[in-house]
Amino acid sequence: MQFRVFRPAAALAGLLLIVPLAALAEPAALTDQPPAELQVADLPPQDLALPASAVPPIDKTSDLVLKVDSAGKLSEIFDSADYTLADVRDGEAEVPRLLVEAMPGDLRRLDSTDLRKDVFFNALLPLVLRVNEDIGHDRNRLLALQGLQHLGLAPSADSRAWLAELGERYGVADSDLDALLLRVDVIPVSLALAQAAVESGWGTSYSAQRRNALFGQTAGSAARYAAFDRLIDGVASYARNLNTHPAYAGFRARRAALRAARLELDGYDLASTLLRYSTRGTAYIRDVRAMIRGNDLVELDSARLAADRGLGLPAAS
């Protein structure tokens, strides 16, 4: 039998199907029997080259976790990795997979404001990208499943179980793919960096230093602030908050509109939707936007994590 490589609608997001030529040439004959529900797992290997469940997993072994007690030592590690925001902004370098567990305790005591900013942004950028990497992986799998759905194919049992778990995490009932895609999406880097800087005073606040909380998160009430074991846990909580809380439905709707228009996600634009993030309202939005503009953070929205560690670094201490 002859086969043809077939790339259907863009909704498949890169899904590759191998389809018999006869199936493309003419429809199947009509019968009186109702069609059986076709499961992805039931298809022979040559008919479906990339099932939705085969979206490549993230290689977490490439992550390098750093526990560093001084800003000077952390800056030395960044220098050893040839990691500068200037190179990242210019598109000349990817971001190394350096995941800092906690902000250095001496950030506040640095004489140079510029050095404090550099250490803060350099430490936080890989964490935001790493959290977005996880979210993006889930989103790609959702898009693949949506592509199969548009072809009239039902997800496999494994995919249905994964959808149920994802729906529980994101507060979406009945594994509704469209509702999930509205929520399972990345946070613009510029917005995350700016909010963290505003909320934590460049990583020097009590919550940032003692609770690994950079985004002003609360735990159940406005009087009690959340605490996290690692900075990346706080970043993940922040992203989940924007992606699920009813107060940020406008943020998610605007992000989806940018996606539908095939525009880049713009942190400066999306900041306007966060009126309820702070009791300061519009004044808070002005501060976040000023932080984005004043530090050229939009230029970091296209930053990408390096594929692997690939670094000869001194031991963190």
C-alpha atoms as a PDB file:
ATOM      1  CA  MET A   1       0.000   0.000   0.000  1.00  0.00           C
ATOM      2  CA  GLN A   2       1.245   3.524  -0.770  1.00  0.00           C
ATOM      3  CA  PHE A   3       1.408   6.132   1.956  1.00  0.00           C
ATOM      4  CA  ARG A   4       1.642   9.908   1.895  1.00  0.00           C
ATOM      5  CA  VAL A   5       2.960  12.246   4.566  1.00  0.00           C
ATOM      6  CA  PHE A   6       0.056  14.497   5.492  1.00  0.00           C
ATOM      7  CA  ARG A   7       0.159  17.711   7.529  1.00  0.00           C
ATOM      8  CA  PRO A   8      -3.429  18.729   8.309  1.00  0.00           C
ATOM      9  CA  ALA A   9      -4.642  22.017   9.783  1.00  0.00           C
ATOM     10  CA  ALA A  10      -2.428  24.212  11.909  1.00  0.00           C
ATOM     11  CA  ALA A  11      -4.373  23.054  14.964  1.00  0.00           C
ATOM     12  CA  LEU A  12      -2.231  19.910  14.900  1.00  0.00           C
ATOM     13  CA  ALA A  13       0.747  22.062  15.936  1.00  0.00           C
ATOM     14  CA  GLY A  14       3.340  19.979  14.153  1.00  0.00           C
ATOM     15  CA  LEU A  15       1.637  16.590  14.502  1.00  0.00           C
ATOM     16  CA  LEU A  16       2.770  14.308  11.679  1.00  0.00           C
ATOM     17  CA  LEU A  17       0.391  11.728  10.249  1.00  0.00           C
ATOM     18  CA  ILE A  18       1.082   9.001   7.701  1.00  0.00           C
ATOM     19  CA  VAL A  19      -2.129   8.434   5.757  1.00  0.00           C
ATOM     20  CA  PRO A  20      -2.845   5.769   3.086  1.00  0.00           C
ATOM     21  CA  LEU A  21      -3.317   7.348  -0.347  1.00  0.00           C
ATOM     22  CA  ALA A  22      -6.588   5.509  -0.813  1.00  0.00           C
ATOM     23  CA  ALA A  23      -7.960   7.142   2.303  1.00  0.00           C
ATOM     24  CA  LEU A  24      -7.232  10.563   0.812  1.00  0.00           C
ATOM     25  CA  ALA A  25      -8.604   9.695  -2.600  1.00  0.00           C
ATOM     26  CA  GLU A  26     -12.193   8.760  -1.712  1.00  0.00           C
ATOM     27  CA  PRO A  27     -14.436   8.402   1.323  1.00  0.00           C
ATOM     28  CA  ALA A  28     -15.283   5.021   2.764  1.00  0.00           C
ATOM     29  CA  ALA A  29     -18.476   3.360   1.569  1.00  0.00           C
ATOM     30  CA  LEU A  30     -21.582   4.085   3.618  1.00  0.00           C
ATOM     31  CA  THR A  31     -22.972   1.274   5.774  1.00  0.00           C
ATOM     32  CA  ASP A  32     -25.904   0.832   8.107  1.00  0.00           C
ATOM     33  CA  GLN A  33     -23.571   0.129  11.020  1.00  0.00           C
ATOM     34  CA  PRO A  34     -22.683   2.997  13.382  1.00  0.00           C
ATOM     35  CA  PRO A  35     -18.973   3.783  13.214  1.00  0.00           C
ATOM     36  CA  ALA A  36     -16.873   2.421  16.081  1.00  0.00           C
ATOM     37  CA  GLU A  37     -15.059   4.995  18.207  1.00  0.00           C
ATOM     38  CA  LEU A  38     -11.450   5.015  17.085  1.00  0.00           C
ATOM     39  CA  GLN A  39      -8.872   5.186  19.865  1.00  0.00           C
ATOM     40  CA  VAL A  40      -5.450   6.688  19.183  1.00  0.00           C
ATOM     41  CA  ALA A  41      -3.837   3.708  20.897  1.00  0.00           C
ATOM     42  CA  ASP A  42      -5.649   1.358  18.461  1.00  0.00           C
ATOM     43  CA  LEU A  43      -3.965   2.786  15.371  1.00  0.00           C
ATOM     44  CA  PRO A  44      -1.097   0.736  13.907  1.00  0.00           C
ATOM     45  CA  PRO A  45       2.344   2.353  14.303  1.00  0.00           C
ATOM     46  CA  GLN A  46       2.666   3.258  10.623  1.00  0.00           C
ATOM     47  CA  ASP A  47      -0.636   5.167  10.623  1.00  0.00           C
ATOM     48  CA  LEU A  48       0.219   7.611  13.397  1.00  0.00           C
ATOM     49  CA  ALA A  49       3.843   8.573  13.724  1.00  0.00           C
ATOM     50  CA  LEU A  50       3.416  10.878  16.750  1.00  0.00           C
ATOM     51  CA  PRO A  51       0.533  10.199  19.142  1.00  0.00           C
ATOM     52  CA  ALA A  52      -0.364  13.070  21.453  1.00  0.00           C
ATOM     53  CA  SER A  53       1.101  11.253  24.446  1.00  0.00           C
ATOM     54  CA  ALA A  54       4.516  11.186  22.723  1.00  0.00           C
ATOM     55  CA  VAL A  55       5.316  14.890  23.094  1.00  0.00           C
ATOM     56  CA  PRO A  56       8.992  14.621  24.128  1.00  0.00           C
ATOM     57  CA  PRO A  57       9.488  14.962  27.895  1.00  0.00           C
ATOM     58  CA  ILE A  58      11.669  17.674  29.395  1.00  0.00           C
ATOM     59  CA  ASP A  59      15.167  16.531  30.332  1.00  0.00           C
ATOM     60  CA  LYS A  60      15.374  17.757  33.912  1.00  0.00           C
ATOM     61  CA  THR A  61      18.820  16.236  34.385  1.00  0.00           C
ATOM     62  CA  SER A  62      20.228  19.266  32.560  1.00  0.00           C
ATOM     63  CA  ASP A  63      19.105  21.619  35.342  1.00  0.00           C
ATOM     64  CA  LEU A  64      21.817  22.784  37.715  1.00  0.00           C
ATOM     65  CA  VAL A  65      20.486  23.781  41.144  1.00  0.00           C
ATOM     66  CA  LEU A  66      22.532  26.438  42.939  1.00  0.00           C
ATOM     67  CA  LYS A  67      22.548  27.169  46.650  1.00  0.00           C
ATOM     68  CA  VAL A  68      24.710  30.257  47.001  1.00  0.00           C
ATOM     69  CA  ASP A  69      24.983  32.433  50.095  1.00  0.00           C
ATOM     70  CA  SER A  70      26.458  35.598  48.600  1.00  0.00           C
ATOM     71  CA  ALA A  71      25.644  37.850  45.663  1.00  0.00           C
ATOM     72  CA  GLY A  72      29.345  38.078  44.795  1.00  0.00           C
ATOM     73  CA  LYS A  73      29.705  34.314  44.508  1.00  0.00           C
ATOM     74  CA  LEU A  74      26.534  34.083  42.418  1.00  0.00           C
ATOM     75  CA  SER A  75      27.816  36.829  40.120  1.00  0.00           C
ATOM     76  CA  GLU A  76      31.077  34.884  39.690  1.00  0.00           C
ATOM     77  CA  ILE A  77      29.113  31.782  38.667  1.00  0.00           C
ATOM     78  CA  PHE A  78      27.163  33.787  36.093  1.00  0.00           C
ATOM     79  CA  ASP A  79      30.437  35.193  34.740  1.00  0.00           C
ATOM     80  CA  SER A  80      31.898  31.669  34.509  1.00  0.00           C
ATOM     81  CA  ALA A  81      28.880  30.649  32.449  1.00  0.00           C
ATOM     82  CA  ASP A  82      29.309  33.704  30.156  1.00  0.00           C
ATOM     83  CA  TYR A  83      25.765  34.600  31.164  1.00  0.00           C
ATOM     84  CA  THR A  84      24.852  38.250  30.721  1.00  0.00           C
ATOM     85  CA  LEU A  85      21.472  39.867  30.117  1.00  0.00           C
ATOM     86  CA  ALA A  86      23.023  41.980  27.356  1.00  0.00           C
ATOM     87  CA  ASP A  87      23.892  38.860  25.334  1.00  0.00           C
ATOM     88  CA  VAL A  88      20.461  37.364  25.975  1.00  0.00           C
ATOM     89  CA  ARG A  89      18.739  40.581  24.868  1.00  0.00           C
ATOM     90  CA  ASP A  90      20.808  40.667  21.676  1.00  0.00           C
ATOM     91  CA  GLY A  91      19.855  37.066  20.912  1.00  0.00           C
ATOM     92  CA  GLU A  92      23.511  36.047  21.041  1.00  0.00           C
ATOM     93  CA  ALA A  93      23.153  33.618  23.937  1.00  0.00           C
ATOM     94  CA  GLU A  94      20.652  31.233  25.476  1.00  0.00           C
ATOM     95  CA  VAL A  95      19.979  31.280  29.203  1.00  0.00           C
ATOM     96  CA  PRO A  96      21.918  28.627  31.147  1.00  0.00           C
ATOM     97  CA  ARG A  97      19.853  26.202  33.205  1.00  0.00           C
ATOM     98  CA  LEU A  98      21.041  27.608  36.545  1.00  0.00           C
ATOM     99  CA  LEU A  99      18.251  27.337  39.119  1.00  0.00           C
ATOM    100  CA  VAL A 100      19.006  29.395  42.214  1.00  0.00           C
ATOM    101  CA  GLU A 101      17.319  27.986  45.329  1.00  0.00           C
ATOM    102  CA  ALA A 102      17.198  31.267  47.279  1.00  0.00           C
ATOM    103  CA  MET A 103      18.181  34.889  46.819  1.00  0.00           C
ATOM    104  CA  PRO A 104      21.551  35.730  48.399  1.00  0.00           C
ATOM    105  CA  GLY A 105      21.156  37.177  51.873  1.00  0.00           C
ATOM    106  CA  ASP A 106      23.492  40.088  51.197  1.00  0.00           C
ATOM    107  CA  LEU A 107      21.593  41.582  48.233  1.00  0.00           C
ATOM    108  CA  ARG A 108      20.466  44.539  50.327  1.00  0.00           C
ATOM    109  CA  ARG A 109      24.042  45.301  51.393  1.00  0.00           C
ATOM    110  CA  LEU A 110      25.399  45.640  47.855  1.00  0.00           C
ATOM    111  CA  ASP A 111      26.720  49.156  47.248  1.00  0.00           C
ATOM    112  CA  SER A 112      25.875  49.069  43.551  1.00  0.00           C
ATOM    113  CA  THR A 113      22.211  49.266  42.598  1.00  0.00           C
ATOM    114  CA  ASP A 114      23.088  48.095  39.083  1.00  0.00           C
ATOM    115  CA  LEU A 115      24.829  44.996  40.470  1.00  0.00           C
ATOM    116  CA  ARG A 116      21.813  44.237  42.668  1.00  0.00           C
ATOM    117  CA  LYS A 117      19.515  44.460  39.629  1.00  0.00           C
ATOM    118  CA  ASP A 118      21.806  42.258  37.524  1.00  0.00           C
ATOM    119  CA  VAL A 119      22.071  39.549  40.178  1.00  0.00           C
ATOM    120  CA  PHE A 120      18.317  39.622  40.763  1.00  0.00           C
ATOM    121  CA  PHE A 121      17.295  39.425  37.096  1.00  0.00           C
ATOM    122  CA  ASN A 122      20.025  36.899  36.233  1.00  0.00           C
ATOM    123  CA  ALA A 123      18.893  34.655  39.086  1.00  0.00           C
ATOM    124  CA  LEU A 124      15.183  34.935  38.346  1.00  0.00           C
ATOM    125  CA  LEU A 125      15.195  34.656  34.541  1.00  0.00           C
ATOM    126  CA  PRO A 126      16.117  30.921  34.373  1.00  0.00           C
ATOM    127  CA  LEU A 127      13.465  30.142  37.007  1.00  0.00           C
ATOM    128  CA  VAL A 128      10.704  31.879  35.038  1.00  0.00           C
ATOM    129  CA  LEU A 129      11.809  30.168  31.832  1.00  0.00           C
ATOM    130  CA  ARG A 130      11.944  26.786  33.567  1.00  0.00           C
ATOM    131  CA  VAL A 131       8.387  27.158  34.900  1.00  0.00           C
ATOM    132  CA  ASN A 132       7.233  28.302  31.459  1.00  0.00           C
ATOM    133  CA  GLU A 133       8.969  25.283  29.947  1.00  0.00           C
ATOM    134  CA  ASP A 134       6.793  22.953  32.028  1.00  0.00           C
ATOM    135  CA  ILE A 135       3.651  24.906  31.146  1.00  0.00           C
ATOM    136  CA  GLY A 136       4.607  24.973  27.468  1.00  0.00           C
ATOM    137  CA  HIS A 137       5.153  21.226  27.466  1.00  0.00           C
ATOM    138  CA  ASP A 138       1.619  20.662  28.780  1.00  0.00           C
ATOM    139  CA  ARG A 139       0.230  23.168  26.277  1.00  0.00           C
ATOM    140  CA  ASN A 140       1.926  21.426  23.338  1.00  0.00           C
ATOM    141  CA  ARG A 141       0.393  18.131  24.410  1.00  0.00           C
ATOM    142  CA  LEU A 142      -3.029  19.786  24.639  1.00  0.00           C
ATOM    143  CA  LEU A 143      -2.628  21.222  21.141  1.00  0.00           C
ATOM    144  CA  ALA A 144      -1.703  17.789  19.799  1.00  0.00           C
ATOM    145  CA  LEU A 145      -4.800  16.290  21.425  1.00  0.00           C
ATOM    146  CA  GLN A 146      -6.927  19.102  20.020  1.00  0.00           C
ATOM    147  CA  GLY A 147      -5.565  18.312  16.561  1.00  0.00           C
ATOM    148  CA  LEU A 148      -6.588  14.667  16.945  1.00  0.00           C
ATOM    149  CA  GLN A 149     -10.005  15.759  18.168  1.00  0.00           C
ATOM    150  CA  HIS A 150     -10.471  17.843  15.014  1.00  0.00           C
ATOM    151  CA  LEU A 151      -9.769  14.700  13.016  1.00  0.00           C
ATOM    152  CA  GLY A 152     -12.495  12.857  14.906  1.00  0.00           C
ATOM    153  CA  LEU A 153     -10.048  10.713  16.891  1.00  0.00           C
ATOM    154  CA  ALA A 154     -10.567  10.009  20.586  1.00  0.00           C
ATOM    155  CA  PRO A 155      -7.658  10.268  23.044  1.00  0.00           C
ATOM    156  CA  SER A 156      -6.104   7.125  24.485  1.00  0.00           C
ATOM    157  CA  ALA A 157      -6.777   5.993  28.052  1.00  0.00           C
ATOM    158  CA  ASP A 158      -3.420   7.422  29.170  1.00  0.00           C
ATOM    159  CA  SER A 159      -4.230  10.773  27.609  1.00  0.00           C
ATOM    160  CA  ARG A 160      -7.674  10.851  29.211  1.00  0.00           C
ATOM    161  CA  ALA A 161      -6.131  10.214  32.623  1.00  0.00           C
ATOM    162  CA  TRP A 162      -3.585  12.973  32.008  1.00  0.00           C
ATOM    163  CA  LEU A 163      -6.344  15.374  30.943  1.00  0.00           C
ATOM    164  CA  ALA A 164      -8.308  14.634  34.117  1.00  0.00           C
ATOM    165  CA  GLU A 165      -5.240  15.343  36.265  1.00  0.00           C
ATOM    166  CA  LEU A 166      -4.457  18.538  34.343  1.00  0.00           C
ATOM    167  CA  GLY A 167      -8.070  19.677  34.645  1.00  0.00           C
ATOM    168  CA  GLU A 168      -7.935  19.203  38.402  1.00  0.00           C
ATOM    169  CA  ARG A 169      -4.720  21.226  38.610  1.00  0.00           C
ATOM    170  CA  TYR A 170      -6.146  24.089  36.566  1.00  0.00           C
ATOM    171  CA  GLY A 171      -9.722  24.012  37.858  1.00  0.00           C
ATOM    172  CA  VAL A 172     -11.296  22.874  34.581  1.00  0.00           C
ATOM    173  CA  ALA A 173     -14.095  20.311  34.620  1.00  0.00           C
ATOM    174  CA  ASP A 174     -14.802  17.584  32.044  1.00  0.00           C
ATOM    175  CA  SER A 175     -11.340  17.838  30.417  1.00  0.00           C
ATOM    176  CA  ASP A 176     -12.572  20.707  28.225  1.00  0.00           C
ATOM    177  CA  LEU A 177      -9.668  21.292  25.819  1.00  0.00           C
ATOM    178  CA  ASP A 178     -10.638  24.853  24.921  1.00  0.00           C
ATOM    179  CA  ALA A 179     -11.023  25.819  28.580  1.00  0.00           C
ATOM    180  CA  LEU A 180      -7.686  24.195  29.398  1.00  0.00           C
ATOM    181  CA  LEU A 181      -5.882  25.975  26.564  1.00  0.00           C
ATOM    182  CA  LEU A 182      -7.172  29.291  27.927  1.00  0.00           C
ATOM    183  CA  ARG A 183      -5.402  28.552  31.216  1.00  0.00           C
ATOM    184  CA  VAL A 184      -2.439  26.366  30.316  1.00  0.00           C
ATOM    185  CA  ASP A 185      -0.183  28.999  28.812  1.00  0.00           C
ATOM    186  CA  VAL A 186       3.068  30.734  29.662  1.00  0.00           C
ATOM    187  CA  ILE A 187       3.573  34.000  31.528  1.00  0.00           C
ATOM    188  CA  PRO A 188       5.532  36.671  29.613  1.00  0.00           C
ATOM    189  CA  VAL A 189       9.034  36.895  31.053  1.00  0.00           C
ATOM    190  CA  SER A 190       8.947  40.700  31.173  1.00  0.00           C
ATOM    191  CA  LEU A 191       5.790  40.688  33.281  1.00  0.00           C
ATOM    192  CA  ALA A 192       7.088  38.091  35.748  1.00  0.00           C
ATOM    193  CA  LEU A 193      10.439  39.851  36.199  1.00  0.00           C
ATOM    194  CA  ALA A 194       8.818  43.252  36.669  1.00  0.00           C
ATOM    195  CA  GLN A 195       6.227  42.061  39.177  1.00  0.00           C
ATOM    196  CA  ALA A 196       8.854  40.219  41.191  1.00  0.00           C
ATOM    197  CA  ALA A 197      11.102  43.289  41.314  1.00  0.00           C
ATOM    198  CA  VAL A 198       8.227  45.556  42.400  1.00  0.00           C
ATOM    199  CA  GLU A 199       6.810  43.116  44.952  1.00  0.00           C
ATOM    200  CA  SER A 200      10.106  42.022  46.518  1.00  0.00           C
ATOM    201  CA  GLY A 201      12.262  45.152  46.311  1.00  0.00           C
ATOM    202  CA  TRP A 202      14.773  43.414  44.045  1.00  0.00           C
ATOM    203  CA  GLY A 203      14.698  40.278  46.182  1.00  0.00           C
ATOM    204  CA  THR A 204      15.506  42.075  49.435  1.00  0.00           C
ATOM    205  CA  SER A 205      12.119  41.978  51.219  1.00  0.00           C
ATOM    206  CA  TYR A 206      11.523  39.770  54.255  1.00  0.00           C
ATOM    207  CA  SER A 207       9.203  37.491  52.257  1.00  0.00           C
ATOM    208  CA  ALA A 208      11.779  37.155  49.471  1.00  0.00           C
ATOM    209  CA  GLN A 209      14.642  36.410  51.861  1.00  0.00           C
ATOM    210  CA  ARG A 210      12.893  34.224  54.425  1.00  0.00           C
ATOM    211  CA  ARG A 211       9.963  32.741  52.503  1.00  0.00           C
ATOM    212  CA  ASN A 212      11.255  32.530  48.896  1.00  0.00           C
ATOM    213  CA  ALA A 213       8.154  34.545  47.938  1.00  0.00           C
ATOM    214  CA  LEU A 214       8.891  37.167  45.290  1.00  0.00           C
ATOM    215  CA  PHE A 215       5.376  37.947  44.092  1.00  0.00           C
ATOM    216  CA  GLY A 216       3.497  39.042  47.207  1.00  0.00           C
ATOM    217  CA  GLN A 217       1.544  35.780  47.406  1.00  0.00           C
ATOM    218  CA  THR A 218      -0.687  35.233  50.401  1.00  0.00           C
ATOM    219  CA  ALA A 219      -1.726  31.955  51.998  1.00  0.00           C
ATOM    220  CA  GLY A 220      -5.461  31.966  52.575  1.00  0.00           C
ATOM    221  CA  SER A 221      -5.737  35.530  53.854  1.00  0.00           C
ATOM    222  CA  ALA A 222      -4.213  38.925  53.170  1.00  0.00           C
ATOM    223  CA  ALA A 223      -2.630  38.874  56.636  1.00  0.00           C
ATOM    224  CA  ARG A 224      -0.504  35.744  56.105  1.00  0.00           C
ATOM    225  CA  TYR A 225       2.096  35.514  53.366  1.00  0.00           C
ATOM    226  CA  ALA A 226       2.918  32.277  51.573  1.00  0.00           C
ATOM    227  CA  ALA A 227       6.234  30.507  52.070  1.00  0.00           C
ATOM    228  CA  PHE A 228       8.044  28.186  49.668  1.00  0.00           C
ATOM    229  CA  ASP A 229      10.917  25.736  49.992  1.00  0.00           C
ATOM    230  CA  ARG A 230      12.631  27.097  46.876  1.00  0.00           C
ATOM    231  CA  LEU A 231      12.343  30.168  44.687  1.00  0.00           C
ATOM    232  CA  ILE A 232      11.113  28.094  41.757  1.00  0.00           C
ATOM    233  CA  ASP A 233       8.165  26.874  43.842  1.00  0.00           C
ATOM    234  CA  GLY A 234       7.141  30.482  44.384  1.00  0.00           C
ATOM    235  CA  VAL A 235       7.476  31.227  40.666  1.00  0.00           C
ATOM    236  CA  ALA A 236       5.296  28.195  39.834  1.00  0.00           C
ATOM    237  CA  SER A 237       2.694  29.340  42.377  1.00  0.00           C
ATOM    238  CA  TYR A 238       2.650  32.813  40.806  1.00  0.00           C
ATOM    239  CA  ALA A 239       2.083  31.371  37.324  1.00  0.00           C
ATOM    240  CA  ARG A 240      -0.671  29.079  38.608  1.00  0.00           C
ATOM    241  CA  ASN A 241      -2.322  32.052  40.305  1.00  0.00           C
ATOM    242  CA  LEU A 242      -2.460  34.082  37.073  1.00  0.00           C
ATOM    243  CA  ASN A 243      -3.612  31.028  35.144  1.00  0.00           C
ATOM    244  CA  THR A 244      -6.439  29.958  37.461  1.00  0.00           C
ATOM    245  CA  HIS A 245      -7.673  32.711  39.815  1.00  0.00           C
ATOM    246  CA  PRO A 246     -11.003  34.336  38.824  1.00  0.00           C
ATOM    247  CA  ALA A 247      -9.482  37.788  39.426  1.00  0.00           C
ATOM    248  CA  TYR A 248      -7.220  37.302  36.407  1.00  0.00           C
ATOM    249  CA  ALA A 249      -9.793  36.099  33.877  1.00  0.00           C
ATOM    250  CA  GLY A 250      -9.142  39.319  31.944  1.00  0.00           C
ATOM    251  CA  PHE A 251      -5.434  38.512  31.791  1.00  0.00           C
ATOM    252  CA  ARG A 252      -6.171  35.066  30.343  1.00  0.00           C
ATOM    253  CA  ALA A 253      -8.709  36.446  27.854  1.00  0.00           C
ATOM    254  CA  ARG A 254      -6.279  39.103  26.603  1.00  0.00           C
ATOM    255  CA  ARG A 255      -3.490  36.524  26.302  1.00  0.00           C
ATOM    256  CA  ALA A 256      -5.797  34.253  24.288  1.00  0.00           C
ATOM    257  CA  ALA A 257      -6.707  37.186  22.026  1.00  0.00           C
ATOM    258  CA  LEU A 258      -3.002  37.794  21.334  1.00  0.00           C
ATOM    259  CA  ARG A 259      -2.621  34.100  20.522  1.00  0.00           C
ATOM    260  CA  ALA A 260      -5.630  34.172  18.188  1.00  0.00           C
ATOM    261  CA  ALA A 261      -4.171  37.188  16.374  1.00  0.00           C
ATOM    262  CA  ARG A 262      -0.828  35.361  16.145  1.00  0.00           C
ATOM    263  CA  LEU A 263       0.906  38.141  18.058  1.00  0.00           C
ATOM    264  CA  GLU A 264       3.723  37.792  20.556  1.00  0.00           C
ATOM    265  CA  LEU A 265       2.684  37.748  24.212  1.00  0.00           C
ATOM    266  CA  ASP A 266       3.433  41.269  25.421  1.00  0.00           C
ATOM    267  CA  GLY A 267       4.094  41.713  29.142  1.00  0.00           C
ATOM    268  CA  TYR A 268       3.657  45.488  28.969  1.00  0.00           C
ATOM    269  CA  ASP A 269       0.259  45.059  27.318  1.00  0.00           C
ATOM    270  CA  LEU A 270      -0.879  42.278  29.660  1.00  0.00           C
ATOM    271  CA  ALA A 271       0.090  44.265  32.756  1.00  0.00           C
ATOM    272  CA  SER A 272      -2.967  46.444  32.119  1.00  0.00           C
ATOM    273  CA  THR A 273      -5.230  43.486  32.990  1.00  0.00           C
ATOM    274  CA  LEU A 274      -3.860  43.053  36.531  1.00  0.00           C
ATOM    275  CA  LEU A 275      -5.899  45.759  38.232  1.00  0.00           C
ATOM    276  CA  ARG A 276      -6.866  43.373  41.031  1.00  0.00           C
ATOM    277  CA  TYR A 277      -3.366  42.057  41.701  1.00  0.00           C
ATOM    278  CA  SER A 278      -2.697  44.836  44.195  1.00  0.00           C
ATOM    279  CA  THR A 279      -4.883  47.084  46.337  1.00  0.00           C
ATOM    280  CA  ARG A 280      -2.964  49.954  44.716  1.00  0.00           C
ATOM    281  CA  GLY A 281      -4.846  49.323  41.469  1.00  0.00           C
ATOM    282  CA  THR A 282      -3.800  51.574  38.590  1.00  0.00           C
ATOM    283  CA  ALA A 283      -0.793  52.905  40.531  1.00  0.00           C
ATOM    284  CA  TYR A 284       0.522  49.346  40.769  1.00  0.00           C
ATOM    285  CA  ILE A 285       0.067  48.810  37.036  1.00  0.00           C
ATOM    286  CA  ARG A 286       1.983  52.034  36.367  1.00  0.00           C
ATOM    287  CA  ASP A 287       4.844  50.796  38.550  1.00  0.00           C
ATOM    288  CA  VAL A 288       4.980  47.411  36.807  1.00  0.00           C
ATOM    289  CA  ARG A 289       4.927  49.014  33.373  1.00  0.00           C
ATOM    290  CA  ALA A 290       7.604  51.511  34.401  1.00  0.00           C
ATOM    291  CA  MET A 291       9.732  48.576  35.599  1.00  0.00           C
ATOM    292  CA  ILE A 292       9.286  46.796  32.258  1.00  0.00           C
ATOM    293  CA  ARG A 293      10.091  49.870  30.207  1.00  0.00           C
ATOM    294  CA  GLY A 294      12.866  51.239  32.412  1.00  0.00           C
ATOM    295  CA  ASN A 295      14.785  47.935  32.370  1.00  0.00           C
ATOM    296  CA  ASP A 296      14.114  46.914  28.743  1.00  0.00           C
ATOM    297  CA  LEU A 297      12.458  43.731  29.958  1.00  0.00           C
ATOM    298  CA  VAL A 298      10.354  43.206  26.824  1.00  0.00           C
ATOM    299  CA  GLU A 299      13.621  42.352  25.068  1.00  0.00           C
ATOM    300  CA  LEU A 300      13.839  39.302  27.363  1.00  0.00           C
ATOM    301  CA  ASP A 301      10.432  37.926  26.318  1.00  0.00           C
ATOM    302  CA  SER A 302      12.136  35.951  23.545  1.00  0.00           C
ATOM    303  CA  ALA A 303      14.794  34.475  25.869  1.00  0.00           C
ATOM    304  CA  ARG A 304      15.238  30.704  25.687  1.00  0.00           C
ATOM    305  CA  LEU A 305      16.786  28.172  28.041  1.00  0.00           C
ATOM    306  CA  ALA A 306      19.847  26.327  26.797  1.00  0.00           C
ATOM    307  CA  ALA A 307      19.091  22.788  25.670  1.00  0.00           C
ATOM    308  CA  ASP A 308      21.556  21.322  28.161  1.00  0.00           C
ATOM    309  CA  ARG A 309      23.832  22.374  30.962  1.00  0.00           C
ATOM    310  CA  GLY A 310      27.037  22.378  28.934  1.00  0.00           C
ATOM    311  CA  LEU A 311      28.882  24.489  31.494  1.00  0.00           C
ATOM    312  CA  GLY A 312      32.127  24.142  33.379  1.00  0.00           C
ATOM    313  CA  LEU A 313      31.189  25.889  36.598  1.00  0.00           C
ATOM    314  CA  PRO A 314      32.826  26.175  40.003  1.00  0.00           C
ATOM    315  CA  ALA A 315      31.099  24.366  42.840  1.00  0.00           C
ATOM    316  CA  ALA A 316      28.291  26.405  44.392  1.00  0.00           C
ATOM    317  CA  SER A 317      28.660  27.144  48.086  1.00  0.00           C
END
